[in-house]
């Protein structure tokens, strides 16, 4: 009996210990099972959080510009103003290629300079910015009718001003100094009054919305401002300008404004 009394407590303790060990293992196993998905979660989310590969960044095309001047000092001075601008590529070429904006630097417009200007504007696809020290009123319409849509005074030819004029010329927009625009309007008005009484004067036959667009161009508004003012899309404004310049064989916006002023539409 004594042996049974001594052995019984030991058996119970052993069973209790075994049960606790089993419970502990079960608890550890459950804890491990619960932690395993959490530990895998960051890895499973990693592919979704990666930024999609969109390929190499697109490089914006730079606008080619050829600087032309009668002397190397004037040429290098204008070219140095444009070098380093991310939107401009200065090209070393004596004759502007199609699609290139020609920046012509002159002190005054003598016969040689006007002949050079006409030769440049005859190049297909070439738009011209004229940087000039002085221009006579009798030369102003000749310059506009040659196809020059942007003019910059030499005294105002900063890097910012040159880039502004080059970009405007590339878009086909007009960019004239305010005092020069006033002189142009006055001169064309004088020509129109002198021709108003002549019989058989040609008619442009402009549509009302063409007149509206040209009037705002004459006020110095750009394409976006004209579209907002007339509640048109920018594409519509461009189509209107393209249609009338093509139909009337006009070179650019400034030429179209001069023509409309001469005929009394604006």
Protein backbone atom coordinates (compact mmCIF):
# COMPACT_ATOMS: atom_id res chain seq x y z
CA UNK A 1 0.00 0.00 0.00
CA UNK A 2 2.81 2.33 0.86
CA UNK A 3 4.31 1.83 -2.56
CA UNK A 4 1.03 2.67 -4.22
CA UNK A 5 0.62 5.84 -2.14
CA UNK A 6 4.13 7.04 -3.13
CA UNK A 7 3.81 6.19 -6.80
CA UNK A 8 0.39 7.77 -7.33
CA UNK A 9 1.40 11.45 -6.76
CA UNK A 10 4.41 11.03 -9.07
CA UNK A 11 2.24 9.71 -11.89
CA UNK A 12 -0.20 12.61 -11.57
CA UNK A 13 2.63 15.15 -11.58
CA UNK A 14 4.12 13.58 -14.67
CA UNK A 15 0.81 13.62 -16.46
CA UNK A 16 0.22 17.23 -15.47
CA UNK A 17 3.69 18.16 -16.71
CA UNK A 18 3.12 16.30 -19.98
CA UNK A 19 -0.21 18.04 -20.45
CA UNK A 20 1.34 21.43 -19.81
CA UNK A 21 4.14 20.68 -22.24
CA UNK A 22 1.63 19.62 -24.88
CA UNK A 23 -0.46 22.76 -24.29
CA UNK A 24 2.65 24.90 -24.54
CA UNK A 25 3.64 23.25 -27.80
CA UNK A 26 0.13 23.66 -29.15
CA UNK A 27 0.10 27.32 -28.13
CA UNK A 28 3.52 27.89 -29.72
CA UNK A 29 2.36 26.18 -32.89
CA UNK A 30 -0.77 28.31 -33.04
CA UNK A 31 1.22 31.47 -32.36
CA UNK A 32 3.64 30.52 -35.09
CA UNK A 33 0.76 29.88 -37.48
CA UNK A 34 -0.73 33.26 -36.66
CA UNK A 35 2.57 35.09 -37.15
CA UNK A 36 3.47 33.38 -40.41
CA UNK A 37 0.91 35.17 -42.64
CA UNK A 38 1.89 38.55 -41.11
CA UNK A 39 5.52 37.93 -41.81
CA UNK A 40 4.70 37.09 -45.40
CA UNK A 41 2.45 40.11 -45.95
CA UNK A 42 5.17 42.66 -46.77
CA UNK A 43 6.74 40.29 -49.31
CA UNK A 44 3.37 39.59 -50.90
CA UNK A 45 2.66 43.30 -51.19
CA UNK A 46 6.06 44.24 -52.60
CA UNK A 47 5.25 43.60 -56.30
CA UNK A 48 2.06 45.69 -56.07
CA UNK A 49 3.88 48.64 -54.50
CA UNK A 50 6.49 48.87 -57.21
CA UNK A 51 6.25 51.80 -59.62
CA UNK A 52 5.39 50.51 -63.09
CA UNK A 53 8.19 50.79 -65.58
CA UNK A 54 7.19 53.37 -68.15
CA UNK A 55 10.41 53.15 -70.13
CA UNK A 56 13.00 55.87 -70.66
CA UNK A 57 11.84 59.50 -70.22
CA UNK A 58 10.90 61.28 -73.40
CA UNK A 59 13.28 64.05 -74.40
CA UNK A 60 11.60 67.23 -75.57
CA UNK A 61 12.71 68.28 -79.05
CA UNK A 62 14.78 71.45 -79.06
CA UNK A 63 13.96 74.20 -81.54
CA UNK A 64 16.74 74.70 -84.13
CA UNK A 65 17.78 78.35 -84.56
CA UNK A 66 20.28 79.76 -87.05
CA UNK A 67 21.76 83.15 -86.12
CA UNK A 68 22.67 85.31 -89.13
CA UNK A 69 24.47 88.65 -88.93
CA UNK A 70 26.68 90.79 -91.19
CA UNK A 71 29.61 90.62 -88.75
CA UNK A 72 30.95 87.94 -86.36
CA UNK A 73 30.63 90.09 -83.23
CA UNK A 74 26.89 90.62 -83.74
CA UNK A 75 26.39 86.97 -84.57
CA UNK A 76 28.28 85.65 -81.56
CA UNK A 77 26.56 88.12 -79.25
CA UNK A 78 23.10 86.93 -80.28
CA UNK A 79 24.11 83.26 -80.29
CA UNK A 80 25.56 83.52 -76.77
CA UNK A 81 22.19 84.79 -75.54
CA UNK A 82 20.50 81.62 -76.82
CA UNK A 83 23.09 79.00 -75.89
CA UNK A 84 22.32 77.09 -72.74
CA UNK A 85 18.55 77.52 -73.08
CA UNK A 86 16.98 74.04 -72.90
CA UNK A 87 14.37 74.80 -75.57
CA UNK A 88 16.84 76.20 -78.12
CA UNK A 89 19.48 74.54 -80.27
CA UNK A 90 21.82 77.04 -81.95
CA UNK A 91 22.98 75.68 -85.29
CA UNK A 92 26.07 76.68 -87.20
CA UNK A 93 24.73 76.92 -90.74
CA UNK A 94 25.03 79.76 -93.27
CA UNK A 95 21.66 78.92 -94.85
CA UNK A 96 18.72 78.00 -92.58
CA UNK A 97 17.29 74.55 -93.23
CA UNK A 98 13.54 73.91 -93.45
CA UNK A 99 11.99 73.88 -89.99
CA UNK A 100 14.67 76.18 -88.61
CA UNK A 101 13.95 79.64 -87.18
CA UNK A 102 16.32 82.24 -88.62
CA UNK A 103 17.40 85.01 -86.24
CA UNK A 104 18.59 87.86 -88.45
CA UNK A 105 20.57 90.64 -86.75
CA UNK A 106 20.86 93.98 -88.55
CA UNK A 107 21.68 97.51 -87.49
CA UNK A 108 19.60 99.14 -90.21
CA UNK A 109 17.67 97.80 -93.20
CA UNK A 110 19.55 98.92 -96.27
CA UNK A 111 19.09 97.34 -99.69
CA UNK A 112 21.58 94.58 -98.90
CA UNK A 113 19.82 93.69 -95.64
CA UNK A 114 16.39 93.66 -97.33
CA UNK A 115 17.73 91.41 -100.10
CA UNK A 116 19.15 89.04 -97.46
CA UNK A 117 15.81 89.07 -95.65
CA UNK A 118 13.86 88.24 -98.81
CA UNK A 119 16.25 85.41 -99.63
CA UNK A 120 15.84 83.86 -96.18
CA UNK A 121 12.06 84.10 -96.15
CA UNK A 122 11.86 82.35 -99.52
CA UNK A 123 13.41 79.24 -97.94
CA UNK A 124 10.62 76.70 -97.46
CA UNK A 125 9.59 76.24 -93.84
CA UNK A 126 11.85 79.01 -92.51
CA UNK A 127 10.43 81.54 -90.07
CA UNK A 128 12.33 84.73 -89.32
CA UNK A 129 12.96 86.87 -86.25
CA UNK A 130 14.43 90.26 -87.12
CA UNK A 131 16.64 91.98 -84.56
CA UNK A 132 17.17 95.52 -85.78
CA UNK A 133 18.49 98.82 -84.47
CA UNK A 134 16.22 101.09 -86.50
CA UNK A 135 13.58 100.72 -89.16
CA UNK A 136 11.93 103.36 -91.32
CA UNK A 137 8.17 103.47 -91.76
CA UNK A 138 8.54 102.92 -95.49
CA UNK A 139 10.37 99.65 -94.75
CA UNK A 140 7.92 98.35 -92.17
CA UNK A 141 5.30 96.96 -94.53
CA UNK A 142 8.02 95.49 -96.75
CA UNK A 143 9.38 93.59 -93.75
CA UNK A 144 5.94 92.31 -92.74
CA UNK A 145 5.07 91.27 -96.29
CA UNK A 146 8.37 89.40 -96.53
CA UNK A 147 7.00 87.10 -93.83
CA UNK A 148 8.70 88.47 -90.73
CA UNK A 149 6.30 87.99 -87.84
CA UNK A 150 8.63 88.81 -84.93
CA UNK A 151 10.76 91.94 -84.56
CA UNK A 152 13.00 92.81 -81.61
CA UNK A 153 14.81 96.09 -81.06
CA UNK A 154 18.54 95.57 -80.60
CA UNK A 155 18.46 97.63 -77.42
CA UNK A 156 15.88 95.21 -75.96
CA UNK A 157 17.52 91.97 -77.17
CA UNK A 158 17.94 90.18 -73.84
CA UNK A 159 18.07 86.40 -73.69
CA UNK A 160 14.45 86.25 -72.43
CA UNK A 161 13.21 88.58 -75.14
CA UNK A 162 14.99 86.68 -77.93
CA UNK A 163 13.66 83.31 -76.76
CA UNK A 164 10.16 84.76 -76.53
CA UNK A 165 10.35 86.05 -80.11
CA UNK A 166 11.85 82.80 -81.45
CA UNK A 167 9.12 80.67 -79.88
CA UNK A 168 6.42 83.02 -81.18
CA UNK A 169 7.86 82.85 -84.70
CA UNK A 170 8.02 79.05 -84.54
CA UNK A 171 4.31 78.96 -83.65
CA UNK A 172 3.47 81.36 -86.47
CA UNK A 173 2.44 84.08 -84.02
CA UNK A 174 3.21 87.78 -84.37
CA UNK A 175 5.53 89.45 -81.88
CA UNK A 176 6.15 93.15 -82.48
CA UNK A 177 7.23 95.90 -80.06
CA UNK A 178 4.23 97.95 -78.97
CA UNK A 179 5.58 101.17 -80.49
CA UNK A 180 6.24 99.42 -83.79
CA UNK A 181 2.78 97.89 -83.83
CA UNK A 182 1.30 101.36 -83.37
CA UNK A 183 3.33 102.67 -86.30
CA UNK A 184 2.21 99.73 -88.43
CA UNK A 185 -1.46 100.36 -87.70
CA UNK A 186 -1.05 104.08 -88.41
CA UNK A 187 0.75 103.43 -91.70
CA UNK A 188 -1.78 100.86 -92.90
CA UNK A 189 -4.60 103.19 -91.92
CA UNK A 190 -3.07 105.92 -94.06
CA UNK A 191 -2.76 103.56 -97.01
CA UNK A 192 -6.35 102.43 -96.57
CA UNK A 193 -7.72 105.97 -96.48
CA UNK A 194 -5.80 106.80 -99.63
CA UNK A 195 -7.28 103.81 -101.44
CA UNK A 196 -10.79 104.00 -100.00
CA UNK A 197 -12.22 106.06 -102.86
CA UNK A 198 -10.73 103.99 -105.65
CA UNK A 199 -13.32 102.04 -107.69
CA UNK A 200 -12.87 98.32 -107.96
CA UNK A 201 -10.95 98.01 -104.70
CA UNK A 202 -10.42 94.32 -103.87
CA UNK A 203 -12.48 92.74 -101.15
CA UNK A 204 -11.11 90.14 -98.78
CA UNK A 205 -14.43 88.46 -98.27
CA UNK A 206 -13.55 87.60 -94.66
CA UNK A 207 -16.06 85.70 -92.58
CA UNK A 208 -17.23 87.41 -89.37
CA UNK A 209 -15.31 85.04 -87.13
CA UNK A 210 -12.15 85.60 -89.19
CA UNK A 211 -12.51 89.32 -88.58
CA UNK A 212 -13.07 88.68 -84.85
CA UNK A 213 -9.92 86.57 -84.63
CA UNK A 214 -7.81 89.06 -86.58
CA UNK A 215 -9.01 91.95 -84.44
CA UNK A 216 -7.81 90.16 -81.31
CA UNK A 217 -4.52 89.22 -82.98
CA UNK A 218 -4.02 92.93 -83.73
CA UNK A 219 -4.54 93.64 -80.02
CA UNK A 220 -1.63 91.35 -79.18
CA UNK A 221 -3.54 88.34 -77.81
CA UNK A 222 -2.08 84.87 -78.25
CA UNK A 223 -3.97 81.77 -79.39
CA UNK A 224 -5.10 80.72 -75.91
CA UNK A 225 -6.34 84.21 -75.03
CA UNK A 226 -8.23 84.53 -78.31
CA UNK A 227 -9.88 81.13 -77.76
CA UNK A 228 -10.95 82.14 -74.25
CA UNK A 229 -12.23 85.53 -75.41
CA UNK A 230 -14.33 84.08 -78.25
CA UNK A 231 -15.29 80.83 -76.48
CA UNK A 232 -13.53 78.81 -79.18
CA UNK A 233 -11.09 75.95 -78.81
CA UNK A 234 -7.46 76.73 -79.58
CA UNK A 235 -7.67 74.32 -82.51
CA UNK A 236 -10.53 76.37 -83.98
CA UNK A 237 -8.53 79.59 -83.71
CA UNK A 238 -5.55 77.94 -85.43
CA UNK A 239 -7.82 76.58 -88.17
CA UNK A 240 -9.31 80.03 -88.77
CA UNK A 241 -5.86 81.59 -89.08
CA UNK A 242 -4.57 78.80 -91.29
CA UNK A 243 -7.60 79.00 -93.56
CA UNK A 244 -7.42 82.74 -94.19
CA UNK A 245 -3.62 82.90 -94.56
CA UNK A 246 -3.73 80.02 -97.05
CA UNK A 247 -6.65 81.44 -99.01
CA UNK A 248 -5.18 84.94 -99.23
CA UNK A 249 -1.56 83.79 -99.69
CA UNK A 250 -0.44 85.55 -96.50
CA UNK A 251 2.77 84.54 -94.76
CA UNK A 252 1.85 84.82 -91.08
CA UNK A 253 -0.37 86.53 -88.53
CA UNK A 254 1.34 89.90 -88.77
CA UNK A 255 0.91 89.86 -92.54
CA UNK A 256 -2.76 88.92 -92.13
CA UNK A 257 -3.33 91.79 -89.68
CA UNK A 258 -1.60 94.26 -92.01
CA UNK A 259 -3.71 93.06 -94.93
CA UNK A 260 -6.97 93.28 -92.96
CA UNK A 261 -6.09 96.77 -91.75
CA UNK A 262 -5.28 97.86 -95.29
CA UNK A 263 -8.67 96.63 -96.52
CA UNK A 264 -10.58 98.23 -93.64
CA UNK A 265 -11.84 95.11 -91.90
CA UNK A 266 -10.27 96.01 -88.56
